């Protein structure tokens, strides 16, 4: 069983930077691809980014490409989401999720394929 916890949510001004962290307990994250999702009130959960278990593959949604960077530190059992040039539309709750795939170089930010979820951290971007 993997317990995921997200950290780092905060109130930020547009244009600012924030780093979210997803840590795990109960199991090492080495074998898991990790994805970040976000969900605004009344909207579907959106896949933002993912990183494969061997860190060789990453994915970014068009809405965050060039502004967000995902990375992982297996030694610290943590995956990070660096968010730069924040916009008000980056505001909602961010969740991390873990999944095991047959290929270590694969990841997919799709809600249906996740094995474990964190409870989320709130990011608010407002002037």
N, C-alpha and C. Protein backbone atom coordinates (compact mmCIF):
# COMPACT_ATOMS: atom_id res chain seq x y z
N UNK A 1 0.84 -1.18 0.00
CA UNK A 1 0.00 0.00 0.00
C UNK A 1 0.88 1.24 0.00
N UNK A 2 0.56 2.17 -0.86
CA UNK A 2 1.33 3.41 -0.97
C UNK A 2 0.45 4.56 -0.51
N UNK A 3 0.96 5.33 0.44
CA UNK A 3 0.28 6.55 0.86
C UNK A 3 1.02 7.75 0.27
N UNK A 4 0.31 8.55 -0.48
CA UNK A 4 0.88 9.72 -1.11
C UNK A 4 0.40 10.98 -0.40
N UNK A 5 1.31 11.92 -0.20
CA UNK A 5 0.96 13.19 0.42
C UNK A 5 1.56 14.31 -0.41
N UNK A 6 0.75 15.29 -0.74
CA UNK A 6 1.22 16.44 -1.49
C UNK A 6 1.52 17.59 -0.53
N UNK A 7 2.58 18.34 -0.85
CA UNK A 7 2.96 19.51 -0.07
C UNK A 7 3.22 20.68 -1.01
N UNK A 8 3.15 21.87 -0.45
CA UNK A 8 3.62 23.04 -1.18
C UNK A 8 2.57 23.99 -1.68
N UNK A 9 1.31 23.64 -1.58
CA UNK A 9 0.27 24.55 -2.04
C UNK A 9 0.30 25.86 -1.26
N UNK A 10 -0.01 26.94 -1.96
CA UNK A 10 0.08 28.25 -1.31
C UNK A 10 -0.71 29.27 -2.12
N UNK A 11 -0.85 30.47 -1.56
CA UNK A 11 -1.46 31.60 -2.26
C UNK A 11 -0.35 32.37 -2.96
N UNK A 12 -0.47 32.50 -4.27
CA UNK A 12 0.58 33.11 -5.06
C UNK A 12 0.01 34.20 -5.95
N UNK A 13 0.86 35.15 -6.32
CA UNK A 13 0.47 36.17 -7.29
C UNK A 13 0.78 35.68 -8.70
N UNK A 14 0.04 36.14 -9.67
CA UNK A 14 0.34 35.78 -11.06
C UNK A 14 1.79 36.10 -11.40
N UNK A 15 2.41 35.19 -12.13
CA UNK A 15 3.81 35.36 -12.50
C UNK A 15 4.78 34.74 -11.52
N UNK A 16 4.30 34.31 -10.39
CA UNK A 16 5.15 33.73 -9.37
C UNK A 16 5.50 32.28 -9.66
N UNK A 17 6.30 31.72 -8.78
CA UNK A 17 6.75 30.33 -8.90
C UNK A 17 6.44 29.58 -7.62
N UNK A 18 6.20 28.30 -7.78
CA UNK A 18 5.87 27.45 -6.64
C UNK A 18 6.33 26.04 -6.96
N UNK A 19 6.81 25.34 -5.95
CA UNK A 19 7.19 23.94 -6.16
C UNK A 19 6.33 23.05 -5.28
N UNK A 20 5.64 22.13 -5.89
CA UNK A 20 4.86 21.13 -5.17
C UNK A 20 5.69 19.87 -5.01
N UNK A 21 5.46 19.17 -3.91
CA UNK A 21 6.14 17.91 -3.67
C UNK A 21 5.12 16.81 -3.39
N UNK A 22 5.41 15.64 -3.86
CA UNK A 22 4.59 14.46 -3.62
C UNK A 22 5.48 13.42 -2.96
N UNK A 23 5.22 13.11 -1.72
CA UNK A 23 6.04 12.13 -1.02
C UNK A 23 5.22 10.87 -0.75
N UNK A 24 5.92 9.78 -0.53
CA UNK A 24 5.26 8.50 -0.34
C UNK A 24 5.71 7.84 0.94
N UNK A 25 4.81 7.13 1.55
CA UNK A 25 5.14 6.27 2.68
C UNK A 25 4.50 4.91 2.43
N UNK A 26 5.06 3.90 3.06
CA UNK A 26 4.52 2.55 2.89
C UNK A 26 5.19 1.77 1.78
N UNK A 27 5.83 2.49 0.87
CA UNK A 27 6.51 1.81 -0.24
C UNK A 27 7.42 2.82 -0.94
N UNK A 28 8.47 2.31 -1.54
CA UNK A 28 9.33 3.17 -2.35
C UNK A 28 8.64 3.49 -3.67
N UNK A 29 8.92 4.66 -4.18
CA UNK A 29 8.30 5.10 -5.44
C UNK A 29 9.07 4.65 -6.68
N UNK A 30 10.18 3.97 -6.48
CA UNK A 30 11.06 3.63 -7.60
C UNK A 30 10.35 2.96 -8.76
N UNK A 31 9.36 2.11 -8.47
CA UNK A 31 8.71 1.34 -9.52
C UNK A 31 7.47 2.03 -10.08
N UNK A 32 7.15 3.19 -9.58
CA UNK A 32 5.90 3.85 -9.95
C UNK A 32 6.14 5.04 -10.87
N UNK A 33 5.32 5.13 -11.89
CA UNK A 33 5.21 6.38 -12.61
C UNK A 33 4.31 7.30 -11.78
N UNK A 34 4.65 8.58 -11.75
CA UNK A 34 3.91 9.53 -10.93
C UNK A 34 3.30 10.60 -11.84
N UNK A 35 2.06 10.91 -11.57
CA UNK A 35 1.35 11.92 -12.34
C UNK A 35 0.81 13.00 -11.42
N UNK A 36 0.71 14.19 -11.96
CA UNK A 36 0.07 15.30 -11.27
C UNK A 36 -1.23 15.65 -12.02
N UNK A 37 -2.26 15.87 -11.22
CA UNK A 37 -3.56 16.27 -11.76
C UNK A 37 -4.00 17.54 -11.03
N UNK A 38 -4.95 18.24 -11.60
CA UNK A 38 -5.54 19.36 -10.89
C UNK A 38 -7.04 19.38 -11.18
N UNK A 39 -7.77 19.94 -10.24
CA UNK A 39 -9.22 19.97 -10.37
C UNK A 39 -9.77 21.25 -9.77
N UNK A 40 -10.46 22.01 -10.58
CA UNK A 40 -11.15 23.21 -10.13
C UNK A 40 -12.58 22.83 -9.75
N UNK A 41 -13.20 23.62 -8.88
CA UNK A 41 -14.58 23.33 -8.48
C UNK A 41 -15.50 23.24 -9.69
N UNK A 42 -16.28 22.16 -9.75
CA UNK A 42 -17.23 21.99 -10.83
C UNK A 42 -16.65 21.51 -12.14
N UNK A 43 -15.35 21.23 -12.15
CA UNK A 43 -14.70 20.76 -13.38
C UNK A 43 -14.11 19.38 -13.19
N UNK A 44 -13.85 18.71 -14.31
CA UNK A 44 -13.23 17.39 -14.24
C UNK A 44 -11.76 17.50 -13.86
N UNK A 45 -11.27 16.42 -13.26
CA UNK A 45 -9.86 16.39 -12.91
C UNK A 45 -9.03 16.32 -14.20
N UNK A 46 -8.02 17.16 -14.26
CA UNK A 46 -7.21 17.31 -15.48
C UNK A 46 -5.80 16.80 -15.25
N UNK A 47 -5.30 15.99 -16.18
CA UNK A 47 -3.92 15.54 -16.10
C UNK A 47 -2.97 16.67 -16.48
N UNK A 48 -2.04 16.99 -15.63
CA UNK A 48 -1.13 18.10 -15.83
C UNK A 48 0.24 17.64 -16.33
N UNK A 49 0.77 16.60 -15.69
CA UNK A 49 2.12 16.16 -16.01
C UNK A 49 2.32 14.77 -15.46
N UNK A 50 3.30 14.06 -16.01
CA UNK A 50 3.67 12.76 -15.45
C UNK A 50 5.13 12.49 -15.74
N UNK A 51 5.71 11.57 -14.96
CA UNK A 51 7.09 11.16 -15.14
C UNK A 51 7.17 9.66 -14.95
N UNK A 52 7.90 9.01 -15.84
CA UNK A 52 8.02 7.56 -15.77
C UNK A 52 8.86 7.15 -14.57
N UNK A 53 8.81 5.86 -14.23
CA UNK A 53 9.53 5.39 -13.04
C UNK A 53 11.04 5.55 -13.21
N UNK A 54 11.54 5.43 -14.45
CA UNK A 54 12.99 5.60 -14.67
C UNK A 54 13.35 7.04 -15.02
N UNK A 55 12.36 7.93 -14.97
CA UNK A 55 12.53 9.37 -15.21
C UNK A 55 12.93 9.71 -16.64
N UNK A 56 12.88 8.74 -17.54
CA UNK A 56 13.30 9.02 -18.92
C UNK A 56 12.19 9.66 -19.75
N UNK A 57 10.97 9.52 -19.32
CA UNK A 57 9.83 10.07 -20.07
C UNK A 57 9.02 11.00 -19.20
N UNK A 58 8.62 12.10 -19.79
CA UNK A 58 7.74 13.05 -19.11
C UNK A 58 6.65 13.51 -20.08
N UNK A 59 5.59 14.01 -19.50
CA UNK A 59 4.47 14.54 -20.28
C UNK A 59 3.98 15.81 -19.61
N UNK A 60 3.57 16.78 -20.45
CA UNK A 60 2.98 18.00 -19.95
C UNK A 60 1.74 18.34 -20.77
N UNK A 61 0.69 18.73 -20.08
CA UNK A 61 -0.47 19.24 -20.79
C UNK A 61 -0.11 20.53 -21.50
N UNK A 62 -0.77 20.80 -22.60
CA UNK A 62 -0.47 22.01 -23.38
C UNK A 62 -0.60 23.26 -22.52
N UNK A 63 -1.51 23.24 -21.57
CA UNK A 63 -1.77 24.42 -20.76
C UNK A 63 -0.62 24.78 -19.83
N UNK A 64 0.30 23.83 -19.59
CA UNK A 64 1.40 24.10 -18.67
C UNK A 64 2.76 23.91 -19.32
N UNK A 65 2.78 23.47 -20.57
CA UNK A 65 4.05 23.20 -21.24
C UNK A 65 4.91 24.45 -21.31
N UNK A 66 6.17 24.31 -20.95
CA UNK A 66 7.08 25.45 -20.94
C UNK A 66 7.09 26.22 -19.63
N UNK A 67 6.11 25.94 -18.77
CA UNK A 67 6.04 26.64 -17.48
C UNK A 67 6.25 25.69 -16.30
N UNK A 68 5.82 24.45 -16.43
CA UNK A 68 5.93 23.47 -15.35
C UNK A 68 7.02 22.46 -15.69
N UNK A 69 7.70 21.98 -14.65
CA UNK A 69 8.71 20.95 -14.81
C UNK A 69 8.52 19.89 -13.74
N UNK A 70 8.44 18.65 -14.16
CA UNK A 70 8.30 17.54 -13.21
C UNK A 70 9.65 16.86 -13.06
N UNK A 71 9.96 16.43 -11.85
CA UNK A 71 11.21 15.72 -11.60
C UNK A 71 10.98 14.77 -10.43
N UNK A 72 11.91 13.87 -10.26
CA UNK A 72 11.78 12.92 -9.15
C UNK A 72 13.12 12.68 -8.50
N UNK A 73 13.08 12.42 -7.21
CA UNK A 73 14.26 12.07 -6.43
C UNK A 73 13.89 10.78 -5.70
N UNK A 74 14.25 9.66 -6.27
CA UNK A 74 13.88 8.38 -5.67
C UNK A 74 14.57 8.19 -4.32
N UNK A 75 15.72 8.78 -4.14
CA UNK A 75 16.40 8.68 -2.86
C UNK A 75 15.60 9.31 -1.74
N UNK A 76 14.86 10.37 -2.07
CA UNK A 76 14.00 11.05 -1.11
C UNK A 76 12.56 10.58 -1.20
N UNK A 77 12.30 9.63 -2.13
CA UNK A 77 10.94 9.12 -2.31
C UNK A 77 9.95 10.25 -2.60
N UNK A 78 10.38 11.18 -3.45
CA UNK A 78 9.60 12.39 -3.69
C UNK A 78 9.60 12.74 -5.17
N UNK A 79 8.46 13.24 -5.63
CA UNK A 79 8.35 13.78 -6.98
C UNK A 79 7.96 15.24 -6.85
N UNK A 80 8.58 16.09 -7.66
CA UNK A 80 8.35 17.52 -7.58
C UNK A 80 7.66 18.02 -8.84
N UNK A 81 6.88 19.08 -8.66
CA UNK A 81 6.31 19.80 -9.79
C UNK A 81 6.67 21.28 -9.60
N UNK A 82 7.63 21.74 -10.39
CA UNK A 82 8.04 23.13 -10.36
C UNK A 82 7.12 23.92 -11.27
N UNK A 83 6.44 24.90 -10.72
CA UNK A 83 5.48 25.69 -11.49
C UNK A 83 5.96 27.13 -11.57
N UNK A 84 6.23 27.60 -12.76
CA UNK A 84 6.69 28.97 -12.99
C UNK A 84 5.65 29.74 -13.79
N UNK A 85 5.80 31.04 -13.78
CA UNK A 85 4.89 31.92 -14.53
C UNK A 85 3.44 31.57 -14.26
N UNK A 86 3.11 31.50 -13.00
CA UNK A 86 1.77 31.06 -12.61
C UNK A 86 0.69 32.00 -13.13
N UNK A 87 -0.43 31.41 -13.50
CA UNK A 87 -1.58 32.14 -14.00
C UNK A 87 -2.79 31.86 -13.11
N UNK A 88 -3.76 32.74 -13.09
CA UNK A 88 -4.96 32.49 -12.28
C UNK A 88 -5.61 31.14 -12.61
N UNK A 89 -5.54 30.72 -13.85
CA UNK A 89 -6.16 29.44 -14.22
C UNK A 89 -5.39 28.23 -13.69
N UNK A 90 -4.22 28.45 -13.07
CA UNK A 90 -3.47 27.35 -12.43
C UNK A 90 -3.98 27.11 -11.02
N UNK A 91 -5.01 27.75 -10.64
CA UNK A 91 -5.46 27.85 -9.25
C UNK A 91 -5.85 26.58 -8.52
N UNK A 92 -6.44 25.52 -9.16
CA UNK A 92 -7.19 24.55 -8.35
C UNK A 92 -6.36 23.63 -7.44
N UNK A 93 -7.01 22.61 -6.93
CA UNK A 93 -6.37 21.62 -6.07
C UNK A 93 -5.52 20.70 -6.95
N UNK A 94 -4.30 20.45 -6.50
CA UNK A 94 -3.37 19.59 -7.22
C UNK A 94 -3.23 18.26 -6.48
N UNK A 95 -3.32 17.19 -7.24
CA UNK A 95 -3.21 15.83 -6.71
C UNK A 95 -2.05 15.11 -7.39
N UNK A 96 -1.35 14.28 -6.64
CA UNK A 96 -0.41 13.37 -7.28
C UNK A 96 -0.97 11.95 -7.20
N UNK A 97 -0.55 11.14 -8.12
CA UNK A 97 -1.04 9.77 -8.20
C UNK A 97 0.08 8.88 -8.71
N UNK A 98 0.02 7.61 -8.35
CA UNK A 98 1.05 6.64 -8.71
C UNK A 98 0.46 5.48 -9.48
N UNK A 99 1.22 4.98 -10.43
CA UNK A 99 0.79 3.82 -11.20
C UNK A 99 2.00 3.00 -11.60
N UNK A 100 1.81 1.70 -11.70
CA UNK A 100 2.88 0.80 -12.18
C UNK A 100 2.53 0.37 -13.59
N UNK A 101 3.49 0.49 -14.48
CA UNK A 101 3.32 0.07 -15.86
C UNK A 101 4.35 -0.99 -16.22
N UNK A 102 4.07 -1.73 -17.27
CA UNK A 102 5.00 -2.78 -17.71
C UNK A 102 6.33 -2.18 -18.14
N UNK A 103 6.31 -0.98 -18.69
CA UNK A 103 7.53 -0.33 -19.15
C UNK A 103 7.95 0.76 -18.17
N UNK A 104 9.22 0.73 -17.79
CA UNK A 104 9.72 1.73 -16.85
C UNK A 104 9.81 3.11 -17.47
N UNK A 105 9.72 3.18 -18.81
CA UNK A 105 9.84 4.48 -19.47
C UNK A 105 8.50 5.02 -19.93
N UNK A 106 7.43 4.58 -19.30
CA UNK A 106 6.09 5.01 -19.70
C UNK A 106 5.40 5.74 -18.57
N UNK A 107 4.63 6.76 -18.92
CA UNK A 107 3.74 7.37 -17.95
C UNK A 107 2.53 7.91 -18.70
N UNK A 108 1.45 8.12 -17.98
CA UNK A 108 0.23 8.64 -18.60
C UNK A 108 -0.57 9.38 -17.54
N UNK A 109 -0.90 10.62 -17.81
CA UNK A 109 -1.66 11.43 -16.85
C UNK A 109 -3.15 11.27 -17.12
N UNK A 110 -3.62 10.04 -16.93
CA UNK A 110 -5.05 9.74 -17.11
C UNK A 110 -5.60 9.22 -15.80
N UNK A 111 -6.74 9.74 -15.39
CA UNK A 111 -7.29 9.40 -14.07
C UNK A 111 -7.61 7.92 -13.94
N UNK A 112 -8.00 7.28 -15.01
CA UNK A 112 -8.44 5.89 -14.92
C UNK A 112 -7.31 4.91 -14.68
N UNK A 113 -6.06 5.32 -14.94
CA UNK A 113 -4.97 4.37 -14.85
C UNK A 113 -4.19 4.41 -13.55
N UNK A 114 -4.61 5.20 -12.59
CA UNK A 114 -3.85 5.38 -11.37
C UNK A 114 -4.19 4.35 -10.30
N UNK A 115 -3.16 3.92 -9.58
CA UNK A 115 -3.35 2.93 -8.52
C UNK A 115 -3.54 3.59 -7.15
N UNK A 116 -2.85 4.69 -6.93
CA UNK A 116 -2.92 5.38 -5.63
C UNK A 116 -3.02 6.88 -5.86
N UNK A 117 -3.72 7.55 -4.94
CA UNK A 117 -3.92 8.99 -5.02
C UNK A 117 -3.59 9.65 -3.69
N UNK A 118 -3.05 10.87 -3.78
CA UNK A 118 -2.95 11.70 -2.61
C UNK A 118 -4.24 12.46 -2.39
N UNK A 119 -4.30 13.23 -1.32
CA UNK A 119 -5.53 13.96 -0.99
C UNK A 119 -5.54 15.38 -1.52
N UNK A 120 -4.43 15.82 -2.07
CA UNK A 120 -4.42 17.12 -2.74
C UNK A 120 -3.85 18.25 -1.91
N UNK A 121 -3.38 19.26 -2.62
CA UNK A 121 -2.90 20.48 -2.00
C UNK A 121 -3.42 21.65 -2.83
N UNK A 122 -3.84 22.72 -2.13
CA UNK A 122 -4.49 23.83 -2.80
C UNK A 122 -3.50 24.89 -3.26
N UNK A 123 -3.58 25.22 -4.52
CA UNK A 123 -2.80 26.32 -5.09
C UNK A 123 -3.77 27.40 -5.51
N UNK A 124 -3.54 28.60 -5.03
CA UNK A 124 -4.38 29.74 -5.40
C UNK A 124 -3.51 30.82 -6.02
N UNK A 125 -3.84 31.19 -7.24
CA UNK A 125 -3.10 32.24 -7.94
C UNK A 125 -4.04 33.42 -8.14
N UNK A 126 -3.74 34.48 -7.43
CA UNK A 126 -4.64 35.64 -7.47
C UNK A 126 -3.86 36.89 -7.12
N UNK A 127 -4.23 37.99 -7.75
CA UNK A 127 -3.61 39.27 -7.43
C UNK A 127 -4.40 39.98 -6.33
